[in-house]
PDB file of N, CA and C in Angstrom:
ATOM      1  N   MET A   1     -63.193   6.762 -54.531  1.00  0.00           N
ATOM      2  CA  MET A   1     -62.342   5.672 -54.095  1.00  0.00           C
ATOM      3  C   MET A   1     -63.057   4.335 -54.297  1.00  0.00           C
ATOM      4  N   ALA A   2     -64.353   4.331 -54.082  1.00  0.00           N
ATOM      5  CA  ALA A   2     -65.100   3.085 -54.244  1.00  0.00           C
ATOM      6  C   ALA A   2     -65.077   2.609 -55.689  1.00  0.00           C
ATOM      7  N   LEU A   3     -65.173   3.536 -56.623  1.00  0.00           N
ATOM      8  CA  LEU A   3     -65.149   3.164 -58.037  1.00  0.00           C
ATOM      9  C   LEU A   3     -63.791   2.574 -58.421  1.00  0.00           C
ATOM     10  N   LEU A   4     -62.717   3.228 -58.007  1.00  0.00           N
ATOM     11  CA  LEU A   4     -61.384   2.718 -58.330  1.00  0.00           C
ATOM     12  C   LEU A   4     -61.117   1.375 -57.651  1.00  0.00           C
ATOM     13  N   SER A   5     -61.576   1.211 -56.423  1.00  0.00           N
ATOM     14  CA  SER A   5     -61.391  -0.058 -55.719  1.00  0.00           C
ATOM     15  C   SER A   5     -62.193  -1.167 -56.397  1.00  0.00           C
ATOM     16  N   GLY A   6     -63.395  -0.857 -56.821  1.00  0.00           N
ATOM     17  CA  GLY A   6     -64.217  -1.851 -57.519  1.00  0.00           C
ATOM     18  C   GLY A   6     -63.589  -2.292 -58.826  1.00  0.00           C
ATOM     19  N   VAL A   7     -63.080  -1.337 -59.587  1.00  0.00           N
ATOM     20  CA  VAL A   7     -62.411  -1.672 -60.847  1.00  0.00           C
ATOM     21  C   VAL A   7     -61.171  -2.506 -60.581  1.00  0.00           C
ATOM     22  N   LEU A   8     -60.432  -2.167 -59.531  1.00  0.00           N
ATOM     23  CA  LEU A   8     -59.235  -2.936 -59.168  1.00  0.00           C
ATOM     24  C   LEU A   8     -59.592  -4.391 -58.886  1.00  0.00           C
ATOM     25  N   PHE A   9     -60.630  -4.622 -58.087  1.00  0.00           N
ATOM     26  CA  PHE A   9     -60.994  -6.000 -57.749  1.00  0.00           C
ATOM     27  C   PHE A   9     -61.546  -6.760 -58.947  1.00  0.00           C
ATOM     28  N   ILE A  10     -62.239  -6.085 -59.838  1.00  0.00           N
ATOM     29  CA  ILE A  10     -62.725  -6.750 -61.056  1.00  0.00           C
ATOM     30  C   ILE A  10     -61.555  -7.172 -61.934  1.00  0.00           C
ATOM     31  N   VAL A  11     -60.589  -6.269 -62.120  1.00  0.00           N
ATOM     32  CA  VAL A  11     -59.428  -6.588 -62.954  1.00  0.00           C
ATOM     33  C   VAL A  11     -58.602  -7.698 -62.318  1.00  0.00           C
ATOM     34  N   LEU A  12     -58.396  -7.635 -61.004  1.00  0.00           N
ATOM     35  CA  LEU A  12     -57.640  -8.708 -60.345  1.00  0.00           C
ATOM     36  C   LEU A  12     -58.376 -10.042 -60.431  1.00  0.00           C
ATOM     37  N   GLY A  13     -59.688 -10.007 -60.356  1.00  0.00           N
ATOM     38  CA  GLY A  13     -60.463 -11.237 -60.520  1.00  0.00           C
ATOM     39  C   GLY A  13     -60.305 -11.828 -61.907  1.00  0.00           C
ATOM     40  N   ILE A  14     -60.342 -10.973 -62.918  1.00  0.00           N
ATOM     41  CA  ILE A  14     -60.161 -11.447 -64.294  1.00  0.00           C
ATOM     42  C   ILE A  14     -58.763 -12.023 -64.480  1.00  0.00           C
ATOM     43  N   LEU A  15     -57.759 -11.328 -63.942  1.00  0.00           N
ATOM     44  CA  LEU A  15     -56.385 -11.827 -64.071  1.00  0.00           C
ATOM     45  C   LEU A  15     -56.191 -13.143 -63.330  1.00  0.00           C
ATOM     46  N   THR A  16     -56.882 -13.324 -62.230  1.00  0.00           N
ATOM     47  CA  THR A  16     -56.770 -14.576 -61.477  1.00  0.00           C
ATOM     48  C   THR A  16     -57.470 -15.721 -62.207  1.00  0.00           C
ATOM     49  N   VAL A  17     -58.648 -15.459 -62.751  1.00  0.00           N
ATOM     50  CA  VAL A  17     -59.398 -16.509 -63.452  1.00  0.00           C
ATOM     51  C   VAL A  17     -58.686 -16.944 -64.730  1.00  0.00           C
ATOM     52  N   THR A  18     -58.095 -15.994 -65.438  1.00  0.00           N
ATOM     53  CA  THR A  18     -57.397 -16.344 -66.676  1.00  0.00           C
ATOM     54  C   THR A  18     -55.984 -16.861 -66.431  1.00  0.00           C
ATOM     55  N   ARG A  19     -55.590 -16.965 -65.169  1.00  0.00           N
ATOM     56  CA  ARG A  19     -54.276 -17.489 -64.757  1.00  0.00           C
ATOM     57  C   ARG A  19     -53.114 -16.627 -65.267  1.00  0.00           C
ATOM     58  N   THR A  20     -53.348 -15.333 -65.450  1.00  0.00           N
ATOM     59  CA  THR A  20     -52.264 -14.432 -65.835  1.00  0.00           C
ATOM     60  C   THR A  20     -51.352 -14.183 -64.637  1.00  0.00           C
ATOM     61  N   ILE A  21     -51.945 -14.016 -63.464  1.00  0.00           N
ATOM     62  CA  ILE A  21     -51.169 -13.861 -62.238  1.00  0.00           C
ATOM     63  C   ILE A  21     -51.315 -15.155 -61.436  1.00  0.00           C
ATOM     64  N   ARG A  22     -50.199 -15.843 -61.229  1.00  0.00           N
ATOM     65  CA  ARG A  22     -50.256 -17.105 -60.495  1.00  0.00           C
ATOM     66  C   ARG A  22     -49.653 -16.981 -59.102  1.00  0.00           C
ATOM     67  N   ASP A  23     -48.767 -16.013 -58.911  1.00  0.00           N
ATOM     68  CA  ASP A  23     -48.064 -15.875 -57.636  1.00  0.00           C
ATOM     69  C   ASP A  23     -48.901 -15.033 -56.665  1.00  0.00           C
ATOM     70  N   PRO A  24     -49.263 -15.592 -55.514  1.00  0.00           N
ATOM     71  CA  PRO A  24     -50.082 -14.836 -54.559  1.00  0.00           C
ATOM     72  C   PRO A  24     -49.392 -13.581 -54.032  1.00  0.00           C
ATOM     73  N   LEU A  25     -48.066 -13.601 -53.939  1.00  0.00           N
ATOM     74  CA  LEU A  25     -47.339 -12.443 -53.447  1.00  0.00           C
ATOM     75  C   LEU A  25     -47.478 -11.256 -54.408  1.00  0.00           C
ATOM     76  N   ILE A  26     -47.413 -11.522 -55.685  1.00  0.00           N
ATOM     77  CA  ILE A  26     -47.601 -10.459 -56.679  1.00  0.00           C
ATOM     78  C   ILE A  26     -49.039  -9.959 -56.637  1.00  0.00           C
ATOM     79  N   LEU A  27     -49.983 -10.856 -56.474  1.00  0.00           N
ATOM     80  CA  LEU A  27     -51.395 -10.473 -56.407  1.00  0.00           C
ATOM     81  C   LEU A  27     -51.657  -9.558 -55.215  1.00  0.00           C
ATOM     82  N   VAL A  28     -51.119  -9.889 -54.065  1.00  0.00           N
ATOM     83  CA  VAL A  28     -51.294  -9.052 -52.870  1.00  0.00           C
ATOM     84  C   VAL A  28     -50.598  -7.707 -53.053  1.00  0.00           C
ATOM     85  N   GLY A  29     -49.419  -7.720 -53.646  1.00  0.00           N
ATOM     86  CA  GLY A  29     -48.695  -6.473 -53.890  1.00  0.00           C
ATOM     87  C   GLY A  29     -49.450  -5.542 -54.818  1.00  0.00           C
ATOM     88  N   VAL A  30     -49.987  -6.082 -55.889  1.00  0.00           N
ATOM     89  CA  VAL A  30     -50.761  -5.270 -56.832  1.00  0.00           C
ATOM     90  C   VAL A  30     -52.018  -4.736 -56.157  1.00  0.00           C
ATOM     91  N   MET A  31     -52.643  -5.545 -55.320  1.00  0.00           N
ATOM     92  CA  MET A  31     -53.849  -5.108 -54.636  1.00  0.00           C
ATOM     93  C   MET A  31     -53.546  -3.965 -53.660  1.00  0.00           C
ATOM     94  N   VAL A  32     -52.480  -4.099 -52.894  1.00  0.00           N
ATOM     95  CA  VAL A  32     -52.120  -3.052 -51.929  1.00  0.00           C
ATOM     96  C   VAL A  32     -51.751  -1.761 -52.647  1.00  0.00           C
ATOM     97  N   LEU A  33     -50.958  -1.856 -53.703  1.00  0.00           N
ATOM     98  CA  LEU A  33     -50.588  -0.658 -54.459  1.00  0.00           C
ATOM     99  C   LEU A  33     -51.803  -0.019 -55.125  1.00  0.00           C
ATOM    100  N   GLY A  34     -52.719  -0.833 -55.625  1.00  0.00           N
ATOM    101  CA  GLY A  34     -53.934  -0.300 -56.244  1.00  0.00           C
ATOM    102  C   GLY A  34     -54.820   0.416 -55.234  1.00  0.00           C
ATOM    103  N   LEU A  35     -54.962  -0.150 -54.051  1.00  0.00           N
ATOM    104  CA  LEU A  35     -55.763   0.502 -53.018  1.00  0.00           C
ATOM    105  C   LEU A  35     -55.100   1.778 -52.523  1.00  0.00           C
ATOM    106  N   ALA A  36     -53.772   1.770 -52.447  1.00  0.00           N
ATOM    107  CA  ALA A  36     -53.057   2.984 -52.053  1.00  0.00           C
ATOM    108  C   ALA A  36     -53.252   4.077 -53.097  1.00  0.00           C
ATOM    109  N   PHE A  37     -53.206   3.717 -54.369  1.00  0.00           N
ATOM    110  CA  PHE A  37     -53.430   4.691 -55.433  1.00  0.00           C
ATOM    111  C   PHE A  37     -54.857   5.236 -55.384  1.00  0.00           C
ATOM    112  N   ALA A  38     -55.831   4.370 -55.141  1.00  0.00           N
ATOM    113  CA  ALA A  38     -57.223   4.819 -55.039  1.00  0.00           C
ATOM    114  C   ALA A  38     -57.397   5.773 -53.860  1.00  0.00           C
ATOM    115  N   GLY A  39     -56.748   5.483 -52.749  1.00  0.00           N
ATOM    116  CA  GLY A  39     -56.807   6.389 -51.598  1.00  0.00           C
ATOM    117  C   GLY A  39     -56.167   7.723 -51.886  1.00  0.00           C
ATOM    118  N   LEU A  40     -55.035   7.710 -52.583  1.00  0.00           N
ATOM    119  CA  LEU A  40     -54.362   8.959 -52.946  1.00  0.00           C
ATOM    120  C   LEU A  40     -55.237   9.802 -53.868  1.00  0.00           C
ATOM    121  N   VAL A  41     -55.881   9.171 -54.835  1.00  0.00           N
ATOM    122  CA  VAL A  41     -56.784   9.894 -55.730  1.00  0.00           C
ATOM    123  C   VAL A  41     -57.950  10.481 -54.950  1.00  0.00           C
ATOM    124  N   ALA A  42     -58.475   9.751 -53.980  1.00  0.00           N
ATOM    125  CA  ALA A  42     -59.588  10.249 -53.171  1.00  0.00           C
ATOM    126  C   ALA A  42     -59.162  11.456 -52.341  1.00  0.00           C
ATOM    127  N   ILE A  43     -57.955  11.418 -51.789  1.00  0.00           N
ATOM    128  CA  ILE A  43     -57.458  12.553 -50.997  1.00  0.00           C
ATOM    129  C   ILE A  43     -57.255  13.775 -51.876  1.00  0.00           C
ATOM    130  N   VAL A  44     -56.648  13.580 -53.040  1.00  0.00           N
ATOM    131  CA  VAL A  44     -56.424  14.703 -53.955  1.00  0.00           C
ATOM    132  C   VAL A  44     -57.757  15.282 -54.418  1.00  0.00           C
ATOM    133  N   ALA A  45     -58.731  14.437 -54.714  1.00  0.00           N
ATOM    134  CA  ALA A  45     -60.039  14.925 -55.150  1.00  0.00           C
ATOM    135  C   ALA A  45     -60.724  15.721 -54.036  1.00  0.00           C
ATOM    136  N   ARG A  46     -60.594  15.282 -52.819  1.00  0.00           N
ATOM    137  CA  ARG A  46     -61.210  16.016 -51.692  1.00  0.00           C
ATOM    138  C   ARG A  46     -60.541  17.365 -51.502  1.00  0.00           C
ATOM    139  N   VAL A  47     -59.219  17.426 -51.655  1.00  0.00           N
ATOM    140  CA  VAL A  47     -58.506  18.705 -51.503  1.00  0.00           C
ATOM    141  C   VAL A  47     -58.899  19.661 -52.625  1.00  0.00           C
ATOM    142  N   VAL A  48     -58.996  19.158 -53.850  1.00  0.00           N
ATOM    143  CA  VAL A  48     -59.352  20.008 -54.981  1.00  0.00           C
ATOM    144  C   VAL A  48     -60.785  20.519 -54.846  1.00  0.00           C
ATOM    145  N   ARG A  49     -61.684  19.653 -54.437  1.00  0.00           N
ATOM    146  CA  ARG A  49     -63.094  20.089 -54.273  1.00  0.00           C
ATOM    147  C   ARG A  49     -63.268  21.034 -53.113  1.00  0.00           C
ATOM    148  N   GLY A  50     -62.417  20.919 -52.104  1.00  0.00           N
ATOM    149  CA  GLY A  50     -62.548  21.756 -50.912  1.00  0.00           C
ATOM    150  C   GLY A  50     -62.197  23.222 -51.150  1.00  0.00           C
ATOM    151  N   LYS A  51     -61.433  23.481 -52.170  1.00  0.00           N
ATOM    152  CA  LYS A  51     -60.995  24.868 -52.428  1.00  0.00           C
ATOM    153  C   LYS A  51     -62.004  25.670 -53.172  1.00  0.00           C
TER     154      LYS A  51
END
């Protein structure tokens, strides 16, 4: 989860610096969805490793 979250923040930082994303609402939405996806991947990975 830490790796996916780190990549998410790096990509969002690049998009913010290059002015690709200008609307803060879209930026927050993408961040929340990205963190939710990273959490889901972490849960699935833990379930798969646990078996």
